[in-house]
Amino acid sequence: MQPITVHTGTMVPLDTANIDTDQIIPKQFLTGVTRQGYGKHLFHDWRYLDQHEQVLNPEFNLNKPEYAGASVLITRENFGCGSSREHAPWALMDFGIQVIIATSFADIFYGNAINNSMLPIRLASNEMDQLFVALAQDSNASVTIDLSLQSVVCGELEFSFDIAPHHKNNLIKGLDAIGQTLEHADAIATYEQQLASWQ
């Protein structure tokens, strides 16, 4: 996994609550055997006007030219509710989203995001309101997230966010579940040496 320390990027808004995983990546696209290729299908029902993904919906924010290249998604409460499919963060990352700032997240989606080196940030509703206003005033407004300082800075706005220490450690070091285990390789080896030979 790629480590995360400081990320600066532009934002794209989805001012909607309760966006579920079936909207993020519909079930009919869960056929790949790798993590790549899902970005094309991200928000399929909202991004396209046809089922064959040939006609983009010009009214959907991810299709608007002013938000092209955005790497930070800002949204509302309960983002990622629904099923436990890990393909949801895969699709977002394959599209180019690296950070999601929301009022709250579904627990399983939050964990899946962390495990795939995507940073989910919770801010208070009034703080999210200020980010949406800043972006409405300037669609090129950039935001800088410093994971070490646990800060979000957008122009004159600055907010702090909470994150569990082990999640922060894993993201900064770029550790997945295997990497976390390997951090204890010496202790594991010592334990194995103490086992009786018959075991």
N, C-alpha and C. Protein backbone atom coordinates (compact mmCIF):
# COMPACT_ATOMS: atom_id res chain seq x y z
N MET A 1 0.83 -1.19 0.00
CA MET A 1 0.00 0.00 0.00
C MET A 1 0.87 1.25 0.00
N GLN A 2 0.34 2.31 -0.58
CA GLN A 2 1.04 3.58 -0.59
C GLN A 2 0.84 4.30 0.74
N PRO A 3 1.92 4.78 1.36
CA PRO A 3 1.76 5.53 2.61
C PRO A 3 1.10 6.88 2.35
N ILE A 4 0.43 7.39 3.37
CA ILE A 4 -0.21 8.70 3.30
C ILE A 4 0.37 9.58 4.40
N THR A 5 0.86 10.74 4.02
CA THR A 5 1.33 11.70 5.02
C THR A 5 0.59 13.02 4.82
N VAL A 6 0.92 13.71 3.71
CA VAL A 6 0.24 14.96 3.36
C VAL A 6 -0.34 14.81 1.97
N HIS A 7 -1.60 15.19 1.81
CA HIS A 7 -2.23 15.14 0.49
C HIS A 7 -2.85 16.49 0.19
N THR A 8 -2.54 17.03 -0.99
CA THR A 8 -3.16 18.26 -1.47
C THR A 8 -3.85 17.98 -2.80
N GLY A 9 -5.09 18.40 -2.92
CA GLY A 9 -5.82 18.18 -4.16
C GLY A 9 -7.06 19.04 -4.22
N THR A 10 -7.71 19.03 -5.37
CA THR A 10 -8.98 19.72 -5.51
C THR A 10 -10.11 18.79 -5.10
N MET A 11 -11.30 19.38 -4.92
CA MET A 11 -12.42 18.63 -4.37
C MET A 11 -13.56 18.51 -5.37
N VAL A 12 -14.35 17.46 -5.21
CA VAL A 12 -15.60 17.31 -5.94
C VAL A 12 -16.70 17.06 -4.91
N PRO A 13 -17.83 17.78 -5.01
CA PRO A 13 -18.88 17.64 -4.00
C PRO A 13 -19.97 16.66 -4.41
N LEU A 14 -20.41 15.86 -3.46
CA LEU A 14 -21.64 15.08 -3.57
C LEU A 14 -22.44 15.38 -2.32
N ASP A 15 -23.29 16.39 -2.41
CA ASP A 15 -24.01 16.89 -1.24
C ASP A 15 -25.25 16.04 -0.99
N THR A 16 -24.99 14.77 -0.67
CA THR A 16 -26.06 13.79 -0.50
C THR A 16 -25.72 12.87 0.67
N ALA A 17 -26.70 12.56 1.49
CA ALA A 17 -26.49 11.64 2.61
C ALA A 17 -26.83 10.21 2.20
N ASN A 18 -26.31 9.26 2.96
CA ASN A 18 -26.66 7.84 2.81
C ASN A 18 -26.35 7.28 1.42
N ILE A 19 -25.22 7.66 0.87
CA ILE A 19 -24.80 7.08 -0.42
C ILE A 19 -24.31 5.67 -0.15
N ASP A 20 -24.99 4.68 -0.73
CA ASP A 20 -24.66 3.30 -0.40
C ASP A 20 -23.70 2.68 -1.41
N THR A 21 -23.20 1.51 -1.06
CA THR A 21 -22.18 0.86 -1.90
C THR A 21 -22.73 0.41 -3.23
N ASP A 22 -24.04 0.19 -3.34
CA ASP A 22 -24.61 -0.20 -4.63
C ASP A 22 -24.67 0.99 -5.58
N GLN A 23 -24.71 2.20 -5.05
CA GLN A 23 -24.58 3.39 -5.89
C GLN A 23 -23.12 3.63 -6.25
N ILE A 24 -22.23 3.37 -5.30
CA ILE A 24 -20.81 3.58 -5.56
C ILE A 24 -20.32 2.64 -6.65
N ILE A 25 -20.64 1.36 -6.54
CA ILE A 25 -20.26 0.38 -7.56
C ILE A 25 -21.35 -0.70 -7.62
N PRO A 26 -22.27 -0.60 -8.58
CA PRO A 26 -23.38 -1.56 -8.66
C PRO A 26 -22.92 -3.00 -8.79
N LYS A 27 -23.74 -3.91 -8.30
CA LYS A 27 -23.37 -5.32 -8.18
C LYS A 27 -23.00 -5.97 -9.50
N GLN A 28 -23.58 -5.53 -10.62
CA GLN A 28 -23.31 -6.18 -11.90
C GLN A 28 -21.88 -5.99 -12.38
N PHE A 29 -21.13 -5.07 -11.72
CA PHE A 29 -19.76 -4.83 -12.13
C PHE A 29 -18.74 -5.51 -11.23
N LEU A 30 -19.19 -6.33 -10.29
CA LEU A 30 -18.27 -6.98 -9.34
C LEU A 30 -17.73 -8.28 -9.92
N THR A 31 -17.15 -8.20 -11.10
CA THR A 31 -16.71 -9.40 -11.80
C THR A 31 -15.21 -9.49 -11.97
N GLY A 32 -14.49 -8.43 -11.69
CA GLY A 32 -13.04 -8.44 -11.89
C GLY A 32 -12.31 -9.25 -10.84
N VAL A 33 -11.11 -9.65 -11.18
CA VAL A 33 -10.29 -10.43 -10.25
C VAL A 33 -9.13 -9.61 -9.69
N THR A 34 -9.00 -8.35 -10.13
CA THR A 34 -7.99 -7.44 -9.59
C THR A 34 -8.72 -6.19 -9.10
N ARG A 35 -7.95 -5.26 -8.53
CA ARG A 35 -8.55 -4.03 -8.01
C ARG A 35 -8.67 -2.95 -9.08
N GLN A 36 -8.17 -3.20 -10.27
CA GLN A 36 -8.19 -2.20 -11.32
C GLN A 36 -9.43 -2.35 -12.20
N GLY A 37 -9.80 -1.24 -12.85
CA GLY A 37 -10.86 -1.27 -13.84
C GLY A 37 -12.23 -0.90 -13.32
N TYR A 38 -12.36 -0.68 -12.03
CA TYR A 38 -13.68 -0.37 -11.46
C TYR A 38 -14.03 1.12 -11.57
N GLY A 39 -13.04 1.96 -11.77
CA GLY A 39 -13.30 3.40 -11.82
C GLY A 39 -14.28 3.79 -12.91
N LYS A 40 -14.25 3.09 -14.02
CA LYS A 40 -15.17 3.38 -15.12
C LYS A 40 -16.62 3.23 -14.69
N HIS A 41 -16.87 2.32 -13.76
CA HIS A 41 -18.24 2.02 -13.34
C HIS A 41 -18.66 2.77 -12.07
N LEU A 42 -17.77 3.59 -11.53
CA LEU A 42 -18.07 4.33 -10.29
C LEU A 42 -19.33 5.18 -10.48
N PHE A 43 -20.27 5.07 -9.56
CA PHE A 43 -21.54 5.82 -9.60
C PHE A 43 -22.24 5.64 -10.96
N HIS A 44 -22.23 4.43 -11.46
CA HIS A 44 -22.76 4.12 -12.79
C HIS A 44 -24.15 4.73 -13.04
N ASP A 45 -25.06 4.54 -12.10
CA ASP A 45 -26.45 5.00 -12.32
C ASP A 45 -26.57 6.51 -12.35
N TRP A 46 -25.62 7.20 -11.76
CA TRP A 46 -25.64 8.67 -11.74
C TRP A 46 -24.76 9.28 -12.83
N ARG A 47 -23.67 8.61 -13.18
CA ARG A 47 -22.73 9.19 -14.13
C ARG A 47 -23.15 9.03 -15.58
N TYR A 48 -23.97 8.01 -15.85
CA TYR A 48 -24.32 7.71 -17.24
C TYR A 48 -25.82 7.81 -17.48
N LEU A 49 -26.15 8.17 -18.72
CA LEU A 49 -27.55 8.24 -19.13
C LEU A 49 -28.00 6.98 -19.83
N ASP A 50 -27.07 6.05 -20.04
CA ASP A 50 -27.40 4.78 -20.69
C ASP A 50 -26.73 3.64 -19.95
N GLN A 51 -27.18 2.43 -20.17
CA GLN A 51 -26.65 1.26 -19.47
C GLN A 51 -25.30 0.81 -20.02
N HIS A 52 -24.94 1.26 -21.22
CA HIS A 52 -23.69 0.84 -21.85
C HIS A 52 -22.54 1.81 -21.58
N GLU A 53 -22.79 2.81 -20.75
CA GLU A 53 -21.77 3.77 -20.31
C GLU A 53 -21.13 4.50 -21.49
N GLN A 54 -21.96 4.90 -22.42
CA GLN A 54 -21.49 5.65 -23.57
C GLN A 54 -21.89 7.13 -23.49
N VAL A 55 -22.93 7.43 -22.73
CA VAL A 55 -23.45 8.80 -22.66
C VAL A 55 -23.35 9.31 -21.22
N LEU A 56 -22.45 10.26 -20.99
CA LEU A 56 -22.27 10.82 -19.66
C LEU A 56 -23.42 11.76 -19.30
N ASN A 57 -23.78 11.76 -18.03
CA ASN A 57 -24.77 12.68 -17.50
C ASN A 57 -24.08 14.00 -17.18
N PRO A 58 -24.32 15.05 -17.96
CA PRO A 58 -23.59 16.31 -17.75
C PRO A 58 -23.95 17.01 -16.45
N GLU A 59 -25.05 16.60 -15.80
CA GLU A 59 -25.48 17.23 -14.56
C GLU A 59 -24.83 16.63 -13.32
N PHE A 60 -24.17 15.48 -13.50
CA PHE A 60 -23.55 14.82 -12.34
C PHE A 60 -22.18 15.42 -12.10
N ASN A 61 -21.89 15.77 -10.85
CA ASN A 61 -20.69 16.54 -10.54
C ASN A 61 -19.39 15.88 -10.98
N LEU A 62 -19.28 14.56 -10.89
CA LEU A 62 -18.04 13.92 -11.29
C LEU A 62 -17.78 14.03 -12.79
N ASN A 63 -18.80 14.42 -13.55
CA ASN A 63 -18.65 14.59 -14.99
C ASN A 63 -18.40 16.05 -15.40
N LYS A 64 -18.55 16.96 -14.48
CA LYS A 64 -18.41 18.38 -14.82
C LYS A 64 -16.94 18.77 -14.97
N PRO A 65 -16.61 19.53 -16.00
CA PRO A 65 -15.20 19.87 -16.25
C PRO A 65 -14.54 20.63 -15.11
N GLU A 66 -15.32 21.41 -14.37
CA GLU A 66 -14.71 22.18 -13.28
C GLU A 66 -14.20 21.30 -12.14
N TYR A 67 -14.64 20.04 -12.10
CA TYR A 67 -14.19 19.14 -11.04
C TYR A 67 -13.25 18.05 -11.58
N ALA A 68 -12.85 18.18 -12.83
CA ALA A 68 -11.98 17.17 -13.43
C ALA A 68 -10.67 17.06 -12.65
N GLY A 69 -10.24 15.85 -12.40
CA GLY A 69 -8.98 15.63 -11.70
C GLY A 69 -9.05 15.75 -10.20
N ALA A 70 -10.25 15.96 -9.65
CA ALA A 70 -10.37 16.08 -8.19
C ALA A 70 -9.98 14.77 -7.52
N SER A 71 -9.25 14.87 -6.43
CA SER A 71 -8.81 13.67 -5.70
C SER A 71 -9.42 13.58 -4.31
N VAL A 72 -10.23 14.59 -3.95
CA VAL A 72 -10.87 14.62 -2.64
C VAL A 72 -12.38 14.74 -2.85
N LEU A 73 -13.11 13.77 -2.34
CA LEU A 73 -14.58 13.78 -2.41
C LEU A 73 -15.12 14.31 -1.10
N ILE A 74 -16.02 15.30 -1.18
CA ILE A 74 -16.68 15.77 0.05
C ILE A 74 -18.16 15.42 -0.05
N THR A 75 -18.69 14.89 1.04
CA THR A 75 -20.06 14.39 1.02
C THR A 75 -20.68 14.48 2.42
N ARG A 76 -21.78 13.78 2.63
CA ARG A 76 -22.51 13.93 3.87
C ARG A 76 -22.48 12.65 4.72
N GLU A 77 -23.48 12.49 5.60
CA GLU A 77 -23.43 11.43 6.60
C GLU A 77 -23.71 10.06 6.01
N ASN A 78 -23.14 9.06 6.71
CA ASN A 78 -23.40 7.64 6.43
C ASN A 78 -22.92 7.22 5.05
N PHE A 79 -21.82 7.80 4.60
CA PHE A 79 -21.29 7.42 3.28
C PHE A 79 -20.81 5.98 3.32
N GLY A 80 -21.14 5.22 2.27
CA GLY A 80 -20.68 3.83 2.17
C GLY A 80 -21.55 2.83 2.90
N CYS A 81 -22.79 3.21 3.23
CA CYS A 81 -23.70 2.25 3.87
C CYS A 81 -24.09 1.18 2.85
N GLY A 82 -24.77 0.14 3.32
CA GLY A 82 -25.18 -0.93 2.41
C GLY A 82 -24.37 -2.19 2.63
N SER A 83 -23.90 -2.77 1.54
CA SER A 83 -23.18 -4.04 1.63
C SER A 83 -21.73 -3.82 2.06
N SER A 84 -21.03 -4.91 2.31
CA SER A 84 -19.65 -4.84 2.78
C SER A 84 -18.63 -4.89 1.64
N ARG A 85 -19.08 -4.76 0.40
CA ARG A 85 -18.18 -4.95 -0.75
C ARG A 85 -16.97 -4.03 -0.70
N GLU A 86 -15.80 -4.65 -0.77
CA GLU A 86 -14.54 -3.90 -0.77
C GLU A 86 -14.32 -3.19 -2.10
N HIS A 87 -15.11 -3.57 -3.11
CA HIS A 87 -14.99 -2.94 -4.43
C HIS A 87 -15.31 -1.45 -4.39
N ALA A 88 -16.06 -1.00 -3.37
CA ALA A 88 -16.42 0.42 -3.30
C ALA A 88 -15.19 1.31 -3.19
N PRO A 89 -14.30 1.09 -2.22
CA PRO A 89 -13.07 1.91 -2.22
C PRO A 89 -12.19 1.63 -3.43
N TRP A 90 -12.20 0.40 -3.96
CA TRP A 90 -11.42 0.11 -5.17
C TRP A 90 -11.87 1.01 -6.31
N ALA A 91 -13.19 1.14 -6.49
CA ALA A 91 -13.72 1.95 -7.59
C ALA A 91 -13.37 3.43 -7.40
N LEU A 92 -13.51 3.92 -6.18
CA LEU A 92 -13.18 5.31 -5.91
C LEU A 92 -11.71 5.59 -6.17
N MET A 93 -10.84 4.71 -5.71
CA MET A 93 -9.42 4.91 -5.91
C MET A 93 -9.02 4.77 -7.38
N ASP A 94 -9.64 3.84 -8.08
CA ASP A 94 -9.33 3.65 -9.50
C ASP A 94 -9.75 4.87 -10.31
N PHE A 95 -10.78 5.56 -9.84
CA PHE A 95 -11.23 6.80 -10.48
C PHE A 95 -10.29 7.96 -10.18
N GLY A 96 -9.59 7.88 -9.05
CA GLY A 96 -8.65 8.94 -8.68
C GLY A 96 -8.93 9.60 -7.35
N ILE A 97 -9.96 9.13 -6.63
CA ILE A 97 -10.27 9.68 -5.31
C ILE A 97 -9.34 9.05 -4.28
N GLN A 98 -8.64 9.88 -3.52
CA GLN A 98 -7.71 9.38 -2.51
C GLN A 98 -8.15 9.70 -1.09
N VAL A 99 -8.98 10.73 -0.95
CA VAL A 99 -9.45 11.15 0.37
C VAL A 99 -10.95 11.41 0.27
N ILE A 100 -11.70 10.97 1.28
CA ILE A 100 -13.12 11.28 1.37
C ILE A 100 -13.35 12.00 2.69
N ILE A 101 -13.99 13.17 2.61
CA ILE A 101 -14.34 13.92 3.81
C ILE A 101 -15.86 13.92 3.91
N ALA A 102 -16.37 13.45 5.02
CA ALA A 102 -17.82 13.32 5.20
C ALA A 102 -18.18 13.54 6.66
N THR A 103 -19.47 13.70 6.90
CA THR A 103 -19.94 13.84 8.28
C THR A 103 -19.76 12.53 9.04
N SER A 104 -20.05 11.41 8.36
CA SER A 104 -19.86 10.10 8.98
C SER A 104 -19.80 9.04 7.89
N PHE A 105 -19.32 7.85 8.26
CA PHE A 105 -19.17 6.73 7.33
C PHE A 105 -19.82 5.49 7.94
N ALA A 106 -20.27 4.61 7.06
CA ALA A 106 -20.65 3.28 7.51
C ALA A 106 -19.38 2.58 8.00
N ASP A 107 -19.48 1.83 9.10
CA ASP A 107 -18.30 1.26 9.74
C ASP A 107 -17.50 0.36 8.81
N ILE A 108 -18.17 -0.53 8.07
CA ILE A 108 -17.44 -1.47 7.22
C ILE A 108 -16.74 -0.73 6.09
N PHE A 109 -17.42 0.24 5.48
CA PHE A 109 -16.77 1.02 4.42
C PHE A 109 -15.54 1.74 4.98
N TYR A 110 -15.67 2.31 6.16
CA TYR A 110 -14.55 3.04 6.78
C TYR A 110 -13.33 2.12 6.91
N GLY A 111 -13.55 0.91 7.43
CA GLY A 111 -12.46 -0.05 7.57
C GLY A 111 -11.88 -0.47 6.24
N ASN A 112 -12.75 -0.70 5.24
CA ASN A 112 -12.28 -1.09 3.92
C ASN A 112 -11.43 0.01 3.28
N ALA A 113 -11.84 1.26 3.50
CA ALA A 113 -11.07 2.39 2.97
C ALA A 113 -9.67 2.42 3.58
N ILE A 114 -9.61 2.33 4.90
CA ILE A 114 -8.32 2.32 5.59
C ILE A 114 -7.44 1.18 5.07
N ASN A 115 -8.02 0.00 4.93
CA ASN A 115 -7.26 -1.18 4.50
C ASN A 115 -6.78 -1.07 3.06
N ASN A 116 -7.31 -0.12 2.31
CA ASN A 116 -6.89 0.07 0.92
C ASN A 116 -6.16 1.40 0.71
N SER A 117 -5.63 1.95 1.82
CA SER A 117 -4.83 3.17 1.77
C SER A 117 -5.60 4.38 1.27
N MET A 118 -6.89 4.42 1.56
CA MET A 118 -7.70 5.60 1.30
C MET A 118 -8.03 6.24 2.64
N LEU A 119 -7.93 7.56 2.70
CA LEU A 119 -8.14 8.25 3.98
C LEU A 119 -9.57 8.77 4.10
N PRO A 120 -10.37 8.20 5.01
CA PRO A 120 -11.71 8.74 5.29
C PRO A 120 -11.64 9.68 6.49
N ILE A 121 -12.14 10.88 6.32
CA ILE A 121 -12.07 11.90 7.37
C ILE A 121 -13.48 12.31 7.79
N ARG A 122 -13.72 12.30 9.09
CA ARG A 122 -15.01 12.75 9.62
C ARG A 122 -14.88 14.18 10.13
N LEU A 123 -15.76 15.06 9.63
CA LEU A 123 -15.85 16.41 10.15
C LEU A 123 -17.28 16.68 10.60
N ALA A 124 -17.44 17.63 11.48
CA ALA A 124 -18.78 18.00 11.96
C ALA A 124 -19.60 18.58 10.81
N SER A 125 -20.91 18.50 10.95
CA SER A 125 -21.81 18.95 9.89
C SER A 125 -21.57 20.42 9.53
N ASN A 126 -21.39 21.27 10.53
CA ASN A 126 -21.17 22.69 10.24
C ASN A 126 -19.84 22.93 9.54
N GLU A 127 -18.84 22.09 9.81
CA GLU A 127 -17.56 22.19 9.12
C GLU A 127 -17.70 21.75 7.66
N MET A 128 -18.48 20.69 7.44
CA MET A 128 -18.76 20.26 6.08
C MET A 128 -19.49 21.37 5.32
N ASP A 129 -20.43 22.03 5.98
CA ASP A 129 -21.15 23.14 5.34
C ASP A 129 -20.16 24.18 4.82
N GLN A 130 -19.16 24.49 5.62
CA GLN A 130 -18.18 25.51 5.23
C GLN A 130 -17.34 25.05 4.03
N LEU A 131 -17.01 23.77 3.99
CA LEU A 131 -16.27 23.25 2.83
C LEU A 131 -17.12 23.33 1.56
N PHE A 132 -18.40 22.96 1.67
CA PHE A 132 -19.29 23.04 0.51
C PHE A 132 -19.41 24.48 0.02
N VAL A 133 -19.50 25.43 0.93
CA VAL A 133 -19.60 26.84 0.55
C VAL A 133 -18.31 27.30 -0.14
N ALA A 134 -17.18 26.93 0.42
CA ALA A 134 -15.89 27.31 -0.17
C ALA A 134 -15.77 26.76 -1.59
N LEU A 135 -16.23 25.54 -1.80
CA LEU A 135 -16.14 24.93 -3.12
C LEU A 135 -17.14 25.55 -4.08
N ALA A 136 -18.31 25.94 -3.59
CA ALA A 136 -19.29 26.60 -4.43
C ALA A 136 -18.77 27.96 -4.91
N GLN A 137 -17.98 28.60 -4.07
CA GLN A 137 -17.43 29.91 -4.41
C GLN A 137 -16.23 29.79 -5.36
N ASP A 138 -15.52 28.67 -5.29
CA ASP A 138 -14.35 28.45 -6.15
C ASP A 138 -14.22 26.97 -6.42
N SER A 139 -14.59 26.55 -7.62
CA SER A 139 -14.56 25.12 -7.94
C SER A 139 -13.14 24.57 -8.02
N ASN A 140 -12.14 25.45 -8.06
CA ASN A 140 -10.74 25.02 -8.07
C ASN A 140 -10.11 25.07 -6.69
N ALA A 141 -10.90 25.32 -5.68
CA ALA A 141 -10.36 25.40 -4.32
C ALA A 141 -9.66 24.09 -3.96
N SER A 142 -8.45 24.22 -3.47
CA SER A 142 -7.71 23.02 -3.08
C SER A 142 -7.76 22.85 -1.57
N VAL A 143 -7.52 21.64 -1.16
CA VAL A 143 -7.53 21.32 0.26
C VAL A 143 -6.27 20.52 0.55
N THR A 144 -5.67 20.78 1.70
CA THR A 144 -4.48 20.05 2.14
C THR A 144 -4.79 19.29 3.40
N ILE A 145 -4.56 18.00 3.35
CA ILE A 145 -4.79 17.13 4.50
C ILE A 145 -3.44 16.67 5.02
N ASP A 146 -3.17 16.94 6.28
CA ASP A 146 -1.94 16.50 6.93
C ASP A 146 -2.33 15.43 7.95
N LEU A 147 -2.01 14.19 7.64
CA LEU A 147 -2.41 13.10 8.52
C LEU A 147 -1.65 13.14 9.84
N SER A 148 -0.38 13.53 9.80
CA SER A 148 0.39 13.60 11.04
C SER A 148 -0.22 14.60 12.01
N LEU A 149 -0.62 15.77 11.47
CA LEU A 149 -1.21 16.81 12.30
C LEU A 149 -2.72 16.63 12.48
N GLN A 150 -3.29 15.72 11.69
CA GLN A 150 -4.74 15.49 11.68
C GLN A 150 -5.49 16.79 11.40
N SER A 151 -5.07 17.43 10.31
CA SER A 151 -5.66 18.72 9.96
C SER A 151 -6.14 18.74 8.52
N VAL A 152 -7.18 19.55 8.28
CA VAL A 152 -7.73 19.81 6.95
C VAL A 152 -7.68 21.31 6.76
N VAL A 153 -7.00 21.77 5.72
CA VAL A 153 -6.86 23.21 5.46
C VAL A 153 -7.35 23.51 4.06
N CYS A 154 -8.28 24.46 3.97
CA CYS A 154 -8.81 24.91 2.68
C CYS A 154 -8.90 26.43 2.75
N GLY A 155 -7.94 27.12 2.14
CA GLY A 155 -7.92 28.58 2.23
C GLY A 155 -7.80 29.02 3.67
N GLU A 156 -8.76 29.83 4.11
CA GLU A 156 -8.76 30.32 5.49
C GLU A 156 -9.35 29.32 6.48
N LEU A 157 -9.94 28.26 5.95
CA LEU A 157 -10.57 27.27 6.82
C LEU A 157 -9.53 26.26 7.30
N GLU A 158 -9.61 25.91 8.56
CA GLU A 158 -8.74 24.86 9.10
C GLU A 158 -9.52 24.07 10.14
N PHE A 159 -9.55 22.75 9.96
CA PHE A 159 -10.28 21.87 10.86
C PHE A 159 -9.36 20.74 11.30
N SER A 160 -9.62 20.22 12.48
CA SER A 160 -8.91 19.04 12.96
C SER A 160 -9.87 17.85 12.92
N PHE A 161 -9.30 16.66 12.77
CA PHE A 161 -10.13 15.45 12.73
C PHE A 161 -9.51 14.37 13.60
N ASP A 162 -10.36 13.48 14.07
CA ASP A 162 -9.92 12.36 14.90
C ASP A 162 -9.72 11.12 14.03
N ILE A 163 -8.75 10.32 14.43
CA ILE A 163 -8.51 9.03 13.79
C ILE A 163 -7.85 8.13 14.82
N ALA A 164 -8.23 6.86 14.83
CA ALA A 164 -7.64 5.92 15.79
C ALA A 164 -6.14 5.81 15.55
N PRO A 165 -5.35 5.76 16.62
CA PRO A 165 -3.88 5.70 16.45
C PRO A 165 -3.41 4.57 15.55
N HIS A 166 -4.03 3.37 15.64
CA HIS A 166 -3.56 2.26 14.81
C HIS A 166 -3.91 2.48 13.35
N HIS A 167 -5.04 3.12 13.06
CA HIS A 167 -5.37 3.46 11.68
C HIS A 167 -4.39 4.49 11.14
N LYS A 168 -4.09 5.49 11.94
CA LYS A 168 -3.14 6.52 11.54
C LYS A 168 -1.77 5.91 11.25
N ASN A 169 -1.32 5.04 12.14
CA ASN A 169 -0.02 4.37 11.96
C ASN A 169 0.02 3.56 10.66
N ASN A 170 -1.05 2.80 10.42
CA ASN A 170 -1.07 1.96 9.22
C ASN A 170 -1.06 2.78 7.95
N LEU A 171 -1.81 3.89 7.93
CA LEU A 171 -1.86 4.74 6.73
C LEU A 171 -0.52 5.45 6.49
N ILE A 172 0.08 5.96 7.55
CA ILE A 172 1.36 6.67 7.41
C ILE A 172 2.45 5.71 6.94
N LYS A 173 2.42 4.48 7.43
CA LYS A 173 3.44 3.50 7.05
C LYS A 173 3.07 2.70 5.80
N GLY A 174 1.83 2.84 5.35
CA GLY A 174 1.40 2.09 4.18
C GLY A 174 1.26 0.61 4.45
N LEU A 175 0.70 0.27 5.61
CA LEU A 175 0.61 -1.13 6.02
C LEU A 175 -0.78 -1.69 5.77
N ASP A 176 -0.84 -2.83 5.09
CA ASP A 176 -2.09 -3.58 5.02
C ASP A 176 -2.07 -4.62 6.13
N ALA A 177 -3.02 -5.55 6.12
CA ALA A 177 -3.11 -6.53 7.21
C ALA A 177 -1.84 -7.37 7.30
N ILE A 178 -1.27 -7.76 6.15
CA ILE A 178 -0.03 -8.55 6.15
C ILE A 178 1.12 -7.71 6.68
N GLY A 179 1.20 -6.46 6.25
CA GLY A 179 2.26 -5.58 6.72
C GLY A 179 2.21 -5.36 8.22
N GLN A 180 0.99 -5.26 8.75
CA GLN A 180 0.84 -5.10 10.20
C GLN A 180 1.38 -6.32 10.93
N THR A 181 1.12 -7.51 10.38
CA THR A 181 1.63 -8.74 11.00
C THR A 181 3.15 -8.80 10.93
N LEU A 182 3.70 -8.39 9.79
CA LEU A 182 5.16 -8.46 9.60
C LEU A 182 5.91 -7.50 10.52
N GLU A 183 5.22 -6.49 11.02
CA GLU A 183 5.87 -5.59 11.99
C GLU A 183 6.25 -6.36 13.26
N HIS A 184 5.60 -7.50 13.49
CA HIS A 184 5.88 -8.32 14.68
C HIS A 184 6.65 -9.58 14.31
N ALA A 185 7.36 -9.52 13.18
CA ALA A 185 8.06 -10.71 12.68
C ALA A 185 9.06 -11.26 13.70
N ASP A 186 9.80 -10.40 14.38
CA ASP A 186 10.79 -10.86 15.36
C ASP A 186 10.12 -11.59 16.52
N ALA A 187 9.02 -11.02 17.01
CA ALA A 187 8.30 -11.65 18.13
C ALA A 187 7.72 -12.99 17.69
N ILE A 188 7.22 -13.06 16.48
CA ILE A 188 6.67 -14.31 15.95
C ILE A 188 7.76 -15.36 15.85
N ALA A 189 8.92 -14.95 15.33
CA ALA A 189 10.04 -15.90 15.18
C ALA A 189 10.50 -16.40 16.54
N THR A 190 10.57 -15.50 17.54
CA THR A 190 10.98 -15.89 18.89
C THR A 190 10.00 -16.89 19.47
N TYR A 191 8.73 -16.64 19.29
CA TYR A 191 7.71 -17.55 19.80
C TYR A 191 7.83 -18.93 19.14
N GLU A 192 8.03 -18.93 17.83
CA GLU A 192 8.13 -20.20 17.11
C GLU A 192 9.34 -21.02 17.56
N GLN A 193 10.42 -20.32 17.90
CA GLN A 193 11.63 -21.02 18.37
C GLN A 193 11.42 -21.67 19.73
N GLN A 194 10.46 -21.16 20.47
CA GLN A 194 10.19 -21.68 21.81
C GLN A 194 9.24 -22.88 21.77
N LEU A 195 8.63 -23.14 20.64
CA LEU A 195 7.72 -24.26 20.55
C LEU A 195 8.49 -25.57 20.58
N ALA A 196 7.89 -26.56 21.17
CA ALA A 196 8.49 -27.90 21.16
C ALA A 196 8.56 -28.41 19.72
N SER A 197 9.58 -29.19 19.43
CA SER A 197 9.81 -29.67 18.06
C SER A 197 8.65 -30.46 17.51
N TRP A 198 7.94 -31.20 18.41
CA TRP A 198 6.83 -32.01 17.93
C TRP A 198 5.65 -31.18 17.44
N GLN A 199 5.64 -29.90 17.85
CA GLN A 199 4.55 -29.04 17.41
C GLN A 199 4.84 -28.47 16.04
